[in-house]
């Protein structure tokens, strides 16, 4: 499967990939498709409109690949519409996702692999989203550097419904300037215009790049590269992650001027709109950037704002609902830790640790709540607290206090019976401990109780 005879052009690659008029042959090469297949399998993901799971992709390819490959090479392949999915945004509203079929995810991934080397070298150093070796942490650290250099005002720009509003003609024009294989250009346009299926009805796509496929992030960077180049031409200090862009300036007046001029550029040149309600000129501590914020110090410190902590707790409450009736250790290691560790890894840049200590304490209280509810009867609660080391008199008083479960989970008798070391022994990961390891700073006795 996936065998293809390589052309002399691809064997002797001294020419620039950008000048290659046989990119589609590179795309369908065995090595390229195997790499794309491995990535699709790692990403997993939901099925598209054909309901094919990722596990069924290989058997399907063994039967159909020769036909699919021929359609790709001859320019006859037609992508299927994406499946519309809505997920809630952290700040309210719904985000529209378009889930391609597994086969189309494979082909999109292969397209990404041949386009990335063409466009990546020309992208701005201030662009951090969806790029090899770059991430949100790099953007946050750069933002902190700009503030430390005296740029104490931020122009926080939000592109309104960016992924839904991308102009296809402008995007394809930029791609066609560098991609010489017209079959690849045609295939990308077909993906853009494949349509969206919702409740069995397919709606045509005449703009936008639906989030959900492997190709969409690269296309977004191609579109917004013009914005990056314009900001660089003007000499601005900025960080962009996808459609989140912050420009750091030294005064409010300068910020207001930048916001207005960039708004005009985006609307006129990119055919997009700046969300005036969400965009603002403010002090960095007053705004969020990629889930983080900063302190008011002259040398700012990175912090996690209350809104982000609230979102984390809402997310974790859904996880804790699974703990009812479960073995506590298995729940911690199989359900809670994988999710919590992901949040810890993302917020490890935080230099203000209060949020981590408070979150750890809140999680331990939620676990004590699970125990209290599992015991149900007062006599069982008395027995368990005695086993945990409380005196019989205190255990009886606590077990029969007729207070609510949440109150008891935070009361001194449960804290004394099930301290931090008890949960450490069960394998519970601690955000404060992990941040301590990451920063290599001694926080003394602030590890909580």
Protein backbone atom coordinates (compact mmCIF):
# COMPACT_ATOMS: atom_id res chain seq x y z
CA UNK A 1 0.00 0.00 0.00
CA UNK A 2 1.00 3.60 -0.72
CA UNK A 3 3.80 2.50 -3.09
CA UNK A 4 4.67 5.12 -5.70
CA UNK A 5 7.57 5.47 -8.09
CA UNK A 6 9.47 8.63 -7.25
CA UNK A 7 10.24 11.00 -10.11
CA UNK A 8 13.77 12.03 -10.93
CA UNK A 9 12.79 15.51 -9.81
CA UNK A 10 11.95 14.34 -6.28
CA UNK A 11 15.05 12.14 -6.11
CA UNK A 12 17.42 14.89 -6.87
CA UNK A 13 15.94 17.69 -4.75
CA UNK A 14 18.30 20.57 -5.20
CA UNK A 15 15.50 22.87 -6.29
CA UNK A 16 13.32 24.72 -3.81
CA UNK A 17 10.22 22.88 -2.71
CA UNK A 18 8.30 26.04 -3.51
CA UNK A 19 9.20 25.63 -7.20
CA UNK A 20 8.16 21.96 -7.29
CA UNK A 21 5.32 21.41 -9.75
CA UNK A 22 4.99 17.81 -8.62
CA UNK A 23 3.96 18.40 -5.02
CA UNK A 24 0.98 16.09 -5.34
CA UNK A 25 3.35 13.22 -6.12
CA UNK A 26 5.30 14.07 -2.99
CA UNK A 27 2.05 14.12 -1.06
CA UNK A 28 1.04 10.58 -2.03
CA UNK A 29 4.49 9.03 -1.54
CA UNK A 30 4.54 6.12 0.87
CA UNK A 31 6.79 7.91 3.38
CA UNK A 32 4.62 11.02 3.39
CA UNK A 33 1.35 9.13 3.82
CA UNK A 34 2.72 6.90 6.57
CA UNK A 35 3.84 9.98 8.48
CA UNK A 36 0.42 11.57 8.01
CA UNK A 37 -1.32 8.35 9.06
CA UNK A 38 0.73 8.13 12.26
CA UNK A 39 -0.21 11.71 13.16
CA UNK A 40 -3.91 11.13 12.53
CA UNK A 41 -3.84 8.02 14.73
CA UNK A 42 -2.09 9.94 17.52
CA UNK A 43 -4.64 12.73 17.35
CA UNK A 44 -7.57 10.27 17.31
CA UNK A 45 -10.65 12.50 17.24
CA UNK A 46 -14.31 12.05 16.41
CA UNK A 47 -15.73 10.63 13.21
CA UNK A 48 -16.88 12.83 10.34
CA UNK A 49 -20.14 12.63 8.42
CA UNK A 50 -19.39 9.04 7.28
CA UNK A 51 -19.13 7.86 10.93
CA UNK A 52 -15.79 6.12 10.22
CA UNK A 53 -13.63 5.89 13.37
CA UNK A 54 -9.86 6.24 13.15
CA UNK A 55 -9.48 2.50 13.85
CA UNK A 56 -11.25 1.73 10.54
CA UNK A 57 -8.94 3.92 8.44
CA UNK A 58 -6.21 1.36 7.71
CA UNK A 59 -8.58 -1.42 6.53
CA UNK A 60 -10.33 1.16 4.35
CA UNK A 61 -7.04 2.34 2.84
CA UNK A 62 -5.91 -1.20 2.07
CA UNK A 63 -9.01 -1.59 -0.06
CA UNK A 64 -9.37 1.90 -1.55
CA UNK A 65 -5.96 3.60 -1.54
CA UNK A 66 -5.05 2.91 -5.18
CA UNK A 67 -8.30 4.57 -6.31
CA UNK A 68 -7.91 7.51 -3.90
CA UNK A 69 -4.30 8.05 -4.94
CA UNK A 70 -5.27 8.12 -8.59
CA UNK A 71 -7.96 10.71 -7.89
CA UNK A 72 -5.47 12.90 -6.01
CA UNK A 73 -2.83 12.71 -8.77
CA UNK A 74 -5.31 13.45 -11.56
CA UNK A 75 -6.98 16.27 -9.61
CA UNK A 76 -10.35 14.53 -9.40
CA UNK A 77 -10.55 13.93 -5.65
CA UNK A 78 -13.55 15.58 -3.99
CA UNK A 79 -13.48 16.05 -0.18
CA UNK A 80 -16.58 15.35 1.85
CA UNK A 81 -18.34 18.10 3.86
CA UNK A 82 -17.29 18.54 7.47
CA UNK A 83 -19.55 17.68 10.38
CA UNK A 84 -20.65 20.71 12.36
CA UNK A 85 -19.94 20.61 16.10
CA UNK A 86 -20.47 23.38 18.62
CA UNK A 87 -18.49 23.68 21.85
CA UNK A 88 -18.91 26.37 24.53
CA UNK A 89 -16.37 29.20 24.67
CA UNK A 90 -14.82 30.09 28.06
CA UNK A 91 -16.23 33.62 27.85
CA UNK A 92 -19.68 32.57 26.66
CA UNK A 93 -21.13 31.75 23.26
CA UNK A 94 -20.38 28.75 21.10
CA UNK A 95 -17.35 27.93 18.97
CA UNK A 96 -18.08 26.31 15.61
CA UNK A 97 -15.95 23.29 14.71
CA UNK A 98 -15.94 21.37 11.45
CA UNK A 99 -14.89 17.73 11.82
CA UNK A 100 -13.60 16.24 8.52
CA UNK A 101 -13.86 12.53 7.79
CA UNK A 102 -10.87 10.47 8.90
CA UNK A 103 -9.77 10.06 5.28
CA UNK A 104 -9.88 13.82 4.72
CA UNK A 105 -7.95 14.38 7.94
CA UNK A 106 -5.27 12.06 6.55
CA UNK A 107 -5.07 13.97 3.27
CA UNK A 108 -5.12 17.34 5.02
CA UNK A 109 -2.29 16.22 7.26
CA UNK A 110 -0.28 15.19 4.19
CA UNK A 111 -0.98 18.60 2.59
CA UNK A 112 0.18 20.30 5.77
CA UNK A 113 3.43 18.31 5.65
CA UNK A 114 4.30 19.57 2.17
CA UNK A 115 3.07 23.15 2.67
CA UNK A 116 4.70 23.80 6.04
CA UNK A 117 8.31 23.80 4.70
CA UNK A 118 7.22 26.24 2.00
CA UNK A 119 5.56 28.83 4.24
CA UNK A 120 7.15 28.30 7.65
CA UNK A 121 10.52 29.99 6.91
CA UNK A 122 8.75 33.22 5.92
CA UNK A 123 6.53 33.53 9.00
CA UNK A 124 7.21 36.20 11.61
CA UNK A 125 9.30 35.56 14.71
CA UNK A 126 6.43 37.11 16.66
CA UNK A 127 3.96 34.42 15.52
CA UNK A 128 3.69 31.58 18.04
CA UNK A 129 0.53 29.64 17.21
CA UNK A 130 0.49 26.21 15.52
CA UNK A 131 4.13 26.31 14.48
CA UNK A 132 6.92 23.75 14.96
CA UNK A 133 8.95 24.45 18.08
CA UNK A 134 6.68 27.32 19.14
CA UNK A 135 3.83 27.50 21.63
CA UNK A 136 1.80 29.75 23.90
CA UNK A 137 4.56 29.77 26.54
CA UNK A 138 6.91 31.51 24.11
CA UNK A 139 4.32 34.21 23.50
CA UNK A 140 3.77 34.75 27.24
CA UNK A 141 7.48 35.04 27.96
CA UNK A 142 7.94 37.50 25.09
CA UNK A 143 4.99 39.56 26.35
CA UNK A 144 6.61 39.71 29.77
CA UNK A 145 9.89 40.87 28.17
CA UNK A 146 8.16 43.69 26.31
CA UNK A 147 6.60 44.95 29.55
CA UNK A 148 9.92 44.74 31.40
CA UNK A 149 11.41 46.94 28.65
CA UNK A 150 8.92 49.69 29.52
CA UNK A 151 5.98 48.96 27.22
CA UNK A 152 3.32 49.21 29.92
CA UNK A 153 0.27 49.40 27.65
CA UNK A 154 -1.18 46.62 25.52
CA UNK A 155 -3.32 46.81 22.41
CA UNK A 156 -5.38 43.64 22.80
CA UNK A 157 -6.92 42.85 19.40
CA UNK A 158 -9.55 40.22 18.79
CA UNK A 159 -10.45 39.29 15.21
CA UNK A 160 -14.21 38.71 15.10
CA UNK A 161 -15.12 35.12 14.14
CA UNK A 162 -11.80 34.77 12.37
CA UNK A 163 -12.05 31.11 11.33
CA UNK A 164 -15.59 31.71 10.02
CA UNK A 165 -14.76 34.85 8.02
CA UNK A 166 -11.50 34.11 6.15
CA UNK A 167 -11.75 35.34 2.56
CA UNK A 168 -11.12 32.36 0.27
CA UNK A 169 -9.89 34.37 -2.72
CA UNK A 170 -7.27 36.27 -0.73
CA UNK A 171 -6.09 33.07 0.95
CA UNK A 172 -5.84 31.13 -2.31
CA UNK A 173 -4.02 34.01 -3.96
CA UNK A 174 -1.32 33.88 -1.28
CA UNK A 175 -1.03 30.10 -1.59
CA UNK A 176 -0.85 30.17 -5.40
CA UNK A 177 2.11 32.58 -5.30
CA UNK A 178 4.27 29.91 -3.64
CA UNK A 179 2.67 26.59 -4.56
CA UNK A 180 3.33 25.78 -8.21
CA UNK A 181 1.45 22.49 -8.40
CA UNK A 182 -2.02 23.59 -9.47
CA UNK A 183 -3.51 20.27 -8.35
CA UNK A 184 -2.55 21.03 -4.74
CA UNK A 185 -3.99 24.54 -5.03
CA UNK A 186 -7.24 23.11 -6.43
CA UNK A 187 -7.40 20.49 -3.67
CA UNK A 188 -7.02 23.13 -0.94
CA UNK A 189 -9.78 25.25 -2.47
CA UNK A 190 -12.03 22.20 -2.58
CA UNK A 191 -11.42 21.64 1.12
CA UNK A 192 -12.35 25.25 1.80
CA UNK A 193 -15.54 24.90 -0.22
CA UNK A 194 -16.50 21.35 0.84
CA UNK A 195 -19.40 22.62 2.92
CA UNK A 196 -20.69 21.93 6.42
CA UNK A 197 -23.26 19.28 7.31
CA UNK A 198 -25.62 20.00 10.20
CA UNK A 199 -28.65 17.84 10.96
CA UNK A 200 -28.33 16.09 7.63
CA UNK A 201 -28.26 19.28 5.55
CA UNK A 202 -25.10 20.45 3.75
CA UNK A 203 -24.49 24.19 3.67
CA UNK A 204 -22.08 25.55 1.08
CA UNK A 205 -18.89 27.27 2.27
CA UNK A 206 -17.95 30.52 0.52
CA UNK A 207 -15.72 31.84 3.31
CA UNK A 208 -13.91 30.63 6.42
CA UNK A 209 -11.59 27.77 7.32
CA UNK A 210 -13.50 25.47 9.71
CA UNK A 211 -11.57 24.61 12.86
CA UNK A 212 -11.16 20.89 13.36
CA UNK A 213 -8.93 19.77 10.51
CA UNK A 214 -5.11 19.53 10.42
CA UNK A 215 -4.82 22.11 7.64
CA UNK A 216 -6.82 24.93 9.24
CA UNK A 217 -4.09 26.20 11.65
CA UNK A 218 -1.54 26.57 8.84
CA UNK A 219 -4.08 28.35 6.63
CA UNK A 220 -4.83 30.77 9.49
CA UNK A 221 -1.14 31.65 9.77
CA UNK A 222 -0.91 32.18 6.01
CA UNK A 223 -3.83 34.62 6.18
CA UNK A 224 -2.54 36.54 9.21
CA UNK A 225 1.06 36.69 7.99
CA UNK A 226 0.11 39.92 6.22
CA UNK A 227 -0.86 41.39 9.59
CA UNK A 228 2.47 40.27 11.07
CA UNK A 229 4.41 41.83 8.21
CA UNK A 230 2.51 45.10 8.59
CA UNK A 231 3.21 45.24 12.33
CA UNK A 232 6.88 44.50 11.68
CA UNK A 233 7.04 47.19 8.98
CA UNK A 234 5.75 49.70 11.53
CA UNK A 235 8.30 48.57 14.11
CA UNK A 236 5.77 47.34 16.69
CA UNK A 237 6.55 44.92 19.54
CA UNK A 238 3.86 42.25 19.34
CA UNK A 239 2.93 38.63 20.02
CA UNK A 240 0.41 36.73 17.96
CA UNK A 241 -1.04 33.30 18.65
CA UNK A 242 -3.55 32.39 15.92
CA UNK A 243 -6.12 35.21 15.96
CA UNK A 244 -5.06 36.51 19.41
CA UNK A 245 -2.71 39.43 18.89
CA UNK A 246 -1.22 41.77 21.52
CA UNK A 247 0.81 44.85 20.61
CA UNK A 248 2.86 46.44 23.43
CA UNK A 249 3.33 50.21 23.44
CA UNK A 250 4.53 52.89 25.88
CA UNK A 251 1.44 55.05 26.20
CA UNK A 252 -2.32 54.87 26.01
CA UNK A 253 -2.37 57.47 23.24
CA UNK A 254 -0.03 55.36 21.14
CA UNK A 255 -2.17 52.31 21.84
CA UNK A 256 -5.37 53.97 20.69
CA UNK A 257 -3.65 55.14 17.52
CA UNK A 258 -2.30 51.62 16.83
CA UNK A 259 -5.67 49.98 17.46
CA UNK A 260 -7.46 52.27 15.01
CA UNK A 261 -4.83 51.99 12.27
CA UNK A 262 -4.55 48.21 12.56
CA UNK A 263 -8.33 47.90 12.57
CA UNK A 264 -8.39 49.76 9.25
CA UNK A 265 -5.65 47.52 7.85
CA UNK A 266 -7.39 44.29 8.88
CA UNK A 267 -10.76 45.33 7.50
CA UNK A 268 -9.42 46.77 4.24
CA UNK A 269 -6.58 44.38 3.39
CA UNK A 270 -7.63 41.11 5.02
CA UNK A 271 -11.40 41.55 4.62
CA UNK A 272 -11.83 40.71 8.30
CA UNK A 273 -13.23 42.64 11.25
CA UNK A 274 -11.85 43.55 14.66
CA UNK A 275 -14.26 42.77 17.50
CA UNK A 276 -14.65 46.20 19.10
CA UNK A 277 -16.31 44.78 22.22
CA UNK A 278 -13.41 42.44 23.00
CA UNK A 279 -10.55 44.60 21.77
CA UNK A 280 -9.10 47.28 24.05
CA UNK A 281 -6.12 49.40 25.01
CA UNK A 282 -5.30 48.74 28.65
CA UNK A 283 -2.61 47.89 31.17
CA UNK A 284 -1.47 44.26 30.75
CA UNK A 285 -2.60 43.21 34.28
CA UNK A 286 -6.13 44.22 33.28
CA UNK A 287 -6.22 41.83 30.32
CA UNK A 288 -5.86 38.11 29.74
CA UNK A 289 -3.55 36.68 27.09
CA UNK A 290 -3.74 32.96 26.34
CA UNK A 291 -5.15 32.26 29.81
CA UNK A 292 -2.41 34.19 31.63
CA UNK A 293 -2.03 37.72 32.93
CA UNK A 294 0.66 39.79 34.67
CA UNK A 295 1.26 41.69 37.90
CA UNK A 296 1.62 45.46 38.27
CA UNK A 297 5.32 45.31 39.22
CA UNK A 298 7.93 47.28 37.31
CA UNK A 299 9.44 43.91 36.47
CA UNK A 300 6.14 42.07 35.90
CA UNK A 301 5.49 38.58 37.13
CA UNK A 302 3.33 36.06 35.30
CA UNK A 303 0.08 35.18 37.06
CA UNK A 304 -3.09 33.20 36.45
CA UNK A 305 -6.24 35.39 36.62
CA UNK A 306 -9.33 34.48 38.62
CA UNK A 307 -11.38 33.89 35.48
CA UNK A 308 -8.99 31.17 34.35
CA UNK A 309 -9.02 29.49 37.76
CA UNK A 310 -12.82 29.57 37.71
CA UNK A 311 -12.84 27.89 34.29
CA UNK A 312 -10.47 25.19 35.57
CA UNK A 313 -12.72 24.44 38.54
CA UNK A 314 -15.82 24.24 36.37
CA UNK A 315 -14.02 21.76 34.15
CA UNK A 316 -12.82 19.69 37.10
CA UNK A 317 -16.30 19.55 38.64
CA UNK A 318 -17.34 17.46 35.66
CA UNK A 319 -14.47 15.08 36.40
CA UNK A 320 -15.39 14.80 40.07
CA UNK A 321 -18.88 13.62 39.17
CA UNK A 322 -17.24 10.42 37.95
CA UNK A 323 -15.81 9.77 41.41
CA UNK A 324 -19.11 8.82 42.99
CA UNK A 325 -18.93 5.16 43.99
CA UNK A 326 -15.39 4.75 42.59
CA UNK A 327 -12.29 3.56 44.37
CA UNK A 328 -10.62 6.84 45.31
CA UNK A 329 -7.11 5.87 44.27
CA UNK A 330 -8.24 4.58 40.86
CA UNK A 331 -10.31 7.72 40.34
CA UNK A 332 -7.31 9.92 41.14
CA UNK A 333 -4.83 8.09 38.91
CA UNK A 334 -7.15 7.25 35.99
CA UNK A 335 -9.54 10.22 35.82
CA UNK A 336 -8.31 13.21 37.78
CA UNK A 337 -4.53 13.23 37.37
CA UNK A 338 -4.40 13.10 33.54
CA UNK A 339 -6.67 16.16 33.28
CA UNK A 340 -5.10 18.07 36.16
CA UNK A 341 -1.57 17.40 34.96
CA UNK A 342 -2.45 18.89 31.57
CA UNK A 343 -3.53 22.14 33.26
CA UNK A 344 -0.41 22.09 35.43
CA UNK A 345 1.85 21.72 32.40
CA UNK A 346 0.15 24.63 30.66
CA UNK A 347 0.26 26.99 33.66
CA UNK A 348 3.76 26.10 34.82
CA UNK A 349 5.00 29.57 33.84
CA UNK A 350 3.03 31.16 36.69
CA UNK A 351 5.27 33.09 39.08
CA UNK A 352 2.48 33.97 41.51
CA UNK A 353 1.74 30.65 43.20
CA UNK A 354 -1.31 31.48 45.32
CA UNK A 355 -3.66 30.12 42.68
CA UNK A 356 -1.84 26.77 42.69
CA UNK A 357 -1.99 26.42 46.47
CA UNK A 358 -5.68 27.36 46.53
CA UNK A 359 -6.51 24.97 43.69
CA UNK A 360 -4.69 22.08 45.38
CA UNK A 361 -6.64 22.70 48.57
CA UNK A 362 -9.91 22.89 46.64
CA UNK A 363 -9.18 19.57 44.91
CA UNK A 364 -8.39 17.85 48.21
CA UNK A 365 -11.65 19.19 49.61
CA UNK A 366 -13.54 17.76 46.64
CA UNK A 367 -11.91 14.39 47.29
CA UNK A 368 -12.87 14.54 50.96
CA UNK A 369 -16.40 15.30 49.77
CA UNK A 370 -16.36 12.08 47.73
CA UNK A 371 -15.31 10.10 50.80
CA UNK A 372 -17.94 11.71 53.02
CA UNK A 373 -20.70 10.93 50.52
CA UNK A 374 -19.50 7.38 49.96
CA UNK A 375 -19.74 6.60 53.68
CA UNK A 376 -23.43 7.68 53.72
CA UNK A 377 -24.36 6.52 57.23
CA UNK A 378 -23.14 8.34 60.41
CA UNK A 379 -21.87 5.10 61.96
CA UNK A 380 -19.77 4.41 58.87
CA UNK A 381 -18.38 7.93 59.02
CA UNK A 382 -17.51 7.49 62.68
CA UNK A 383 -15.70 4.24 61.92
CA UNK A 384 -13.71 5.69 59.01
CA UNK A 385 -12.57 8.74 60.94
CA UNK A 386 -11.44 6.62 63.88
CA UNK A 387 -9.47 4.46 61.42
CA UNK A 388 -7.92 7.66 60.07
CA UNK A 389 -6.66 8.61 63.54
CA UNK A 390 -9.36 10.77 65.17
CA UNK A 391 -10.39 10.12 68.76
CA UNK A 392 -13.70 8.30 69.21
CA UNK A 393 -15.27 11.30 70.94
CA UNK A 394 -14.36 13.66 68.09
CA UNK A 395 -15.35 11.10 65.45
CA UNK A 396 -18.80 10.64 67.00
CA UNK A 397 -19.39 14.39 67.30
CA UNK A 398 -18.31 14.94 63.69
CA UNK A 399 -20.25 12.00 62.22
CA UNK A 400 -23.55 13.03 63.83
CA UNK A 401 -23.31 16.82 63.34
CA UNK A 402 -26.12 16.91 60.74
CA UNK A 403 -24.26 19.44 58.65
CA UNK A 404 -24.17 19.25 54.86
CA UNK A 405 -21.62 17.22 52.91
CA UNK A 406 -19.76 20.24 51.49
CA UNK A 407 -19.43 21.82 54.93
CA UNK A 408 -18.04 18.60 56.37
CA UNK A 409 -15.56 18.17 53.51
CA UNK A 410 -13.93 21.44 54.57
CA UNK A 411 -14.29 21.02 58.33
CA UNK A 412 -11.32 20.46 60.62
CA UNK A 413 -12.21 16.84 61.38
CA UNK A 414 -11.92 15.81 57.71
CA UNK A 415 -8.81 17.95 57.20
CA UNK A 416 -7.13 16.38 60.24
CA UNK A 417 -8.18 12.85 59.29
CA UNK A 418 -7.17 13.11 55.63
CA UNK A 419 -4.27 15.48 55.26
CA UNK A 420 -2.20 16.24 52.18
CA UNK A 421 0.13 13.31 52.77
CA UNK A 422 -2.85 10.92 52.60
CA UNK A 423 -3.64 12.09 49.06
CA UNK A 424 0.05 12.11 48.14
CA UNK A 425 0.14 8.41 49.01
CA UNK A 426 -2.84 7.84 46.71
CA UNK A 427 -0.83 9.41 43.89
CA UNK A 428 -2.58 12.79 43.65
CA UNK A 429 -0.50 15.22 41.64
CA UNK A 430 -0.01 18.66 43.25
CA UNK A 431 0.09 21.80 41.14
CA UNK A 432 2.10 23.68 43.75
CA UNK A 433 4.64 20.86 44.02
CA UNK A 434 5.00 20.69 40.25
CA UNK A 435 5.44 24.45 39.92
CA UNK A 436 8.00 24.29 42.70
CA UNK A 437 9.96 21.68 40.73
CA UNK A 438 9.65 23.66 37.51
CA UNK A 439 10.82 26.97 38.96
CA UNK A 440 13.47 25.46 41.25
CA UNK A 441 12.46 27.87 44.00
CA UNK A 442 12.10 27.01 47.68
CA UNK A 443 8.59 27.90 48.86
CA UNK A 444 9.24 26.67 52.41
CA UNK A 445 6.14 25.46 54.18
CA UNK A 446 3.62 26.79 51.63
CA UNK A 447 2.76 23.30 50.40
CA UNK A 448 -0.55 23.38 52.29
CA UNK A 449 -2.19 21.00 54.71
